[in-house]
Amino acid sequence: MKKLISICLTVMVSLLFAACGNGSATQSNQNQTQAESSAPANGSSNSDKKILIAYFSHSGNTEAVAQQIHDMIGGDIVKIETVNPYPSDYHECTEVAKAEKDSNARPQLSTVIDNMNDYDTIFIGYPIWWHTAPMAIGTFLESYDLSGKTIVPFCTSGGSDISESMPMIKELCQKATIKEGLTASKNDVEKTKAWLQKLGYVK
């Protein structure tokens, strides 16, 4: 009789430990599932903003500002490049830029935006060359129907203000809404942020 009672107690204890073990495993699996469900999705919310940041940059300064803007507001970003690169030498580059400006040239671009219709707002960035935007910007703006779009210009310059390039931008974007432009350098992060806040792109 004692042996039978002992066997029964052993079985009960074994069942009790098994039940506790299964309960812990179930709770652990539930916690894991909850953690995975609460993890943030990897998908970006930029796709519904319909913003394009297009920039022309020769020395890298405009590219740095364009990247800062992209980091703050998202959207898509693309570098405007010409089929024939500009000379790396500063003086040679200025001579080519001057000749293009004097002839109102439209250098051929290797950059093509196939889905321009998808964008509502286009940030357009460039350095100031000979008191205006490089002629490659003219090629870019004339390559697309910008009717009804919002154009937001920004530039980098050693001494000129973006206002000097605005006649060109306004001439080429007559059917678009043109926002207040920005003159900045790669070190003007707070100035760039304040400008974006003023325009309502950053809170």
Protein backbone atom coordinates (compact mmCIF):
# COMPACT_ATOMS: atom_id res chain seq x y z
CA MET A 1 0.00 0.00 0.00
CA LYS A 2 2.80 2.38 0.94
CA LYS A 3 4.55 1.48 -2.29
CA LEU A 4 1.38 2.26 -4.29
CA ILE A 5 0.98 5.62 -2.56
CA SER A 6 4.63 6.42 -3.24
CA ILE A 7 4.21 5.62 -6.95
CA CYS A 8 1.07 7.81 -7.14
CA LEU A 9 2.87 10.71 -5.49
CA THR A 10 5.79 10.37 -7.90
CA VAL A 11 3.46 10.42 -10.90
CA MET A 12 1.59 13.48 -9.56
CA VAL A 13 4.81 15.38 -8.93
CA SER A 14 6.04 14.51 -12.42
CA LEU A 15 2.81 15.72 -13.97
CA LEU A 16 2.97 18.93 -11.93
CA PHE A 17 6.49 19.74 -13.14
CA ALA A 18 5.53 18.93 -16.71
CA ALA A 19 2.54 21.28 -16.52
CA CYS A 20 4.71 24.08 -15.12
CA GLY A 21 7.27 23.50 -17.85
CA ASN A 22 4.65 23.66 -20.62
CA GLY A 23 3.16 26.82 -19.12
CA SER A 24 6.56 28.56 -19.13
CA ALA A 25 7.20 27.54 -22.73
CA THR A 26 3.80 28.82 -23.81
CA GLN A 27 4.35 32.15 -22.06
CA SER A 28 7.79 32.45 -23.61
CA ASN A 29 6.39 31.89 -27.11
CA GLN A 30 3.66 34.48 -26.51
CA ASN A 31 6.20 37.07 -25.40
CA GLN A 32 8.36 36.41 -28.46
CA THR A 33 5.39 36.81 -30.80
CA GLN A 34 4.40 40.07 -29.11
CA ALA A 35 7.93 41.46 -29.41
CA GLU A 36 8.05 40.69 -33.12
CA SER A 37 4.65 42.27 -33.69
CA SER A 38 5.61 45.45 -31.86
CA ALA A 39 8.89 45.88 -33.75
CA PRO A 40 8.80 48.88 -36.16
CA ALA A 41 8.35 48.08 -39.80
CA ASN A 42 11.35 48.54 -42.08
CA GLY A 43 9.30 50.23 -44.78
CA SER A 44 9.81 53.98 -45.19
CA SER A 45 6.95 56.47 -45.05
CA ASN A 46 8.75 58.70 -47.57
CA SER A 47 7.01 57.06 -50.52
CA ASP A 48 3.79 58.98 -49.89
CA LYS A 49 5.48 62.38 -49.56
CA LYS A 50 6.12 62.64 -53.33
CA ILE A 51 9.23 64.77 -52.85
CA LEU A 52 12.22 64.75 -55.18
CA ILE A 53 15.53 66.37 -54.26
CA ALA A 54 17.50 66.93 -57.47
CA TYR A 55 20.86 68.65 -57.31
CA PHE A 56 23.85 69.54 -59.45
CA SER A 57 27.15 69.58 -57.59
CA HIS A 58 30.68 70.02 -58.89
CA SER A 59 32.82 70.33 -55.77
CA GLY A 60 30.56 68.46 -53.34
CA ASN A 61 29.19 71.44 -51.37
CA THR A 62 25.74 71.38 -52.94
CA GLU A 63 25.65 67.62 -52.62
CA ALA A 64 26.27 67.93 -48.86
CA VAL A 65 23.38 70.38 -48.44
CA ALA A 66 21.11 68.20 -50.58
CA GLN A 67 21.91 65.22 -48.37
CA GLN A 68 21.15 67.25 -45.24
CA ILE A 69 17.76 68.19 -46.68
CA HIS A 70 17.11 64.56 -47.56
CA ASP A 71 18.02 63.47 -44.04
CA MET A 72 15.51 65.95 -42.61
CA ILE A 73 12.52 65.49 -44.93
CA GLY A 74 13.04 62.19 -46.73
CA GLY A 75 11.76 61.75 -50.25
CA ASP A 76 13.91 60.68 -53.20
CA ILE A 77 17.27 62.20 -54.05
CA VAL A 78 19.15 62.25 -57.35
CA LYS A 79 22.31 63.92 -58.64
CA ILE A 80 22.04 65.81 -61.92
CA GLU A 81 25.01 64.87 -64.10
CA THR A 82 26.08 65.97 -67.56
CA VAL A 83 27.16 63.63 -70.36
CA ASN A 84 30.39 65.59 -70.66
CA PRO A 85 31.80 66.22 -67.15
CA TYR A 86 33.05 69.68 -66.28
CA PRO A 87 36.83 70.11 -65.84
CA SER A 88 38.07 69.37 -62.34
CA ASP A 89 40.42 72.35 -62.49
CA TYR A 90 38.69 75.40 -61.02
CA HIS A 91 39.76 77.94 -63.63
CA GLU A 92 39.05 75.64 -66.55
CA CYS A 93 35.61 74.89 -65.11
CA THR A 94 34.79 78.59 -64.73
CA GLU A 95 35.75 79.20 -68.35
CA VAL A 96 33.45 76.44 -69.56
CA ALA A 97 30.65 77.69 -67.31
CA LYS A 98 31.10 81.26 -68.58
CA ALA A 99 30.96 80.14 -72.21
CA GLU A 100 27.79 78.13 -71.54
CA LYS A 101 26.16 81.06 -69.77
CA ASP A 102 27.04 83.52 -72.54
CA SER A 103 25.53 81.24 -75.18
CA ASN A 104 22.59 80.16 -72.98
CA ALA A 105 23.69 76.59 -73.63
CA ARG A 106 21.80 73.46 -72.60
CA PRO A 107 24.40 70.77 -71.87
CA GLN A 108 23.15 67.22 -72.38
CA LEU A 109 22.38 65.32 -69.19
CA SER A 110 22.99 61.68 -68.37
CA THR A 111 20.44 61.95 -65.57
CA VAL A 112 16.88 61.11 -66.57
CA ILE A 113 13.84 61.02 -64.24
CA ASP A 114 11.42 58.55 -65.77
CA ASN A 115 8.70 59.06 -63.15
CA MET A 116 8.69 62.84 -62.79
CA ASN A 117 4.87 62.83 -62.84
CA ASP A 118 4.94 61.02 -59.49
CA TYR A 119 6.39 64.03 -57.67
CA ASP A 120 4.45 66.99 -56.34
CA THR A 121 7.42 68.88 -54.88
CA ILE A 122 10.88 69.20 -56.38
CA PHE A 123 13.80 70.61 -54.46
CA ILE A 124 16.36 71.83 -56.99
CA GLY A 125 19.91 72.49 -55.79
CA TYR A 126 22.95 73.99 -57.49
CA PRO A 127 26.05 76.15 -57.00
CA ILE A 128 25.96 79.74 -58.22
CA TRP A 129 28.07 80.05 -61.36
CA TRP A 130 28.55 83.51 -62.82
CA HIS A 131 25.66 84.92 -60.77
CA THR A 132 23.12 82.32 -61.82
CA ALA A 133 22.44 78.59 -61.84
CA PRO A 134 24.60 76.37 -64.05
CA MET A 135 23.17 75.83 -67.52
CA ALA A 136 22.72 72.14 -66.66
CA ILE A 137 19.89 73.26 -64.37
CA GLY A 138 18.28 74.86 -67.41
CA THR A 139 18.47 71.57 -69.26
CA PHE A 140 16.96 69.70 -66.33
CA LEU A 141 14.03 72.07 -65.77
CA GLU A 142 13.20 72.25 -69.47
CA SER A 143 13.18 68.46 -69.78
CA TYR A 144 9.94 67.98 -67.85
CA ASP A 145 6.45 69.35 -67.59
CA LEU A 146 6.50 71.07 -64.20
CA SER A 147 2.97 72.48 -64.43
CA GLY A 148 1.27 72.51 -61.04
CA LYS A 149 4.34 71.30 -59.17
CA THR A 150 6.06 73.05 -56.28
CA ILE A 151 9.68 74.03 -56.92
CA VAL A 152 11.95 74.68 -53.93
CA PRO A 153 15.37 76.04 -54.98
CA PHE A 154 18.52 76.00 -52.87
CA CYS A 155 22.09 76.89 -53.69
CA THR A 156 25.64 77.11 -52.41
CA SER A 157 27.87 80.06 -53.16
CA GLY A 158 31.07 81.74 -52.14
CA GLY A 159 29.49 85.18 -52.16
CA SER A 160 26.33 85.39 -54.27
CA ASP A 161 22.78 84.98 -53.01
CA ILE A 162 20.17 82.68 -54.51
CA SER A 163 18.19 85.77 -55.57
CA GLU A 164 20.65 86.19 -58.44
CA SER A 165 19.55 82.88 -59.92
CA MET A 166 15.83 83.30 -59.36
CA PRO A 167 15.09 85.05 -62.69
CA MET A 168 16.28 81.91 -64.46
CA ILE A 169 14.29 79.60 -62.18
CA LYS A 170 11.14 81.67 -62.58
CA GLU A 171 11.53 81.81 -66.35
CA LEU A 172 11.84 78.04 -66.63
CA CYS A 173 9.12 77.18 -64.09
CA GLN A 174 6.36 79.58 -65.09
CA LYS A 175 3.56 77.08 -64.51
CA ALA A 176 4.88 75.90 -61.16
CA THR A 177 4.68 77.32 -57.65
CA ILE A 178 8.12 78.52 -56.58
CA LYS A 179 8.93 78.62 -52.87
CA GLU A 180 11.42 80.85 -51.09
CA GLY A 181 14.96 79.72 -51.87
CA LEU A 182 17.95 79.09 -49.64
CA THR A 183 21.61 80.06 -49.86
CA ALA A 184 23.61 77.78 -47.59
CA SER A 185 26.84 75.89 -47.13
CA LYS A 186 27.48 72.39 -45.87
CA ASN A 187 28.18 73.89 -42.43
CA ASP A 188 24.82 75.70 -42.23
CA VAL A 189 22.79 72.75 -40.92
CA GLU A 190 20.73 74.83 -38.49
CA LYS A 191 20.09 77.48 -41.15
CA THR A 192 18.87 74.79 -43.53
CA LYS A 193 16.65 73.28 -40.85
CA ALA A 194 15.15 76.69 -39.99
CA TRP A 195 14.39 77.26 -43.68
CA LEU A 196 12.64 73.90 -43.96
CA GLN A 197 10.67 74.67 -40.80
CA LYS A 198 9.60 78.03 -42.24
CA LEU A 199 8.37 76.31 -45.39
CA GLY A 200 6.54 73.69 -43.34
CA TYR A 201 8.60 70.64 -44.30
CA VAL A 202 10.07 70.17 -40.81
CA LYS A 203 8.26 70.64 -37.50
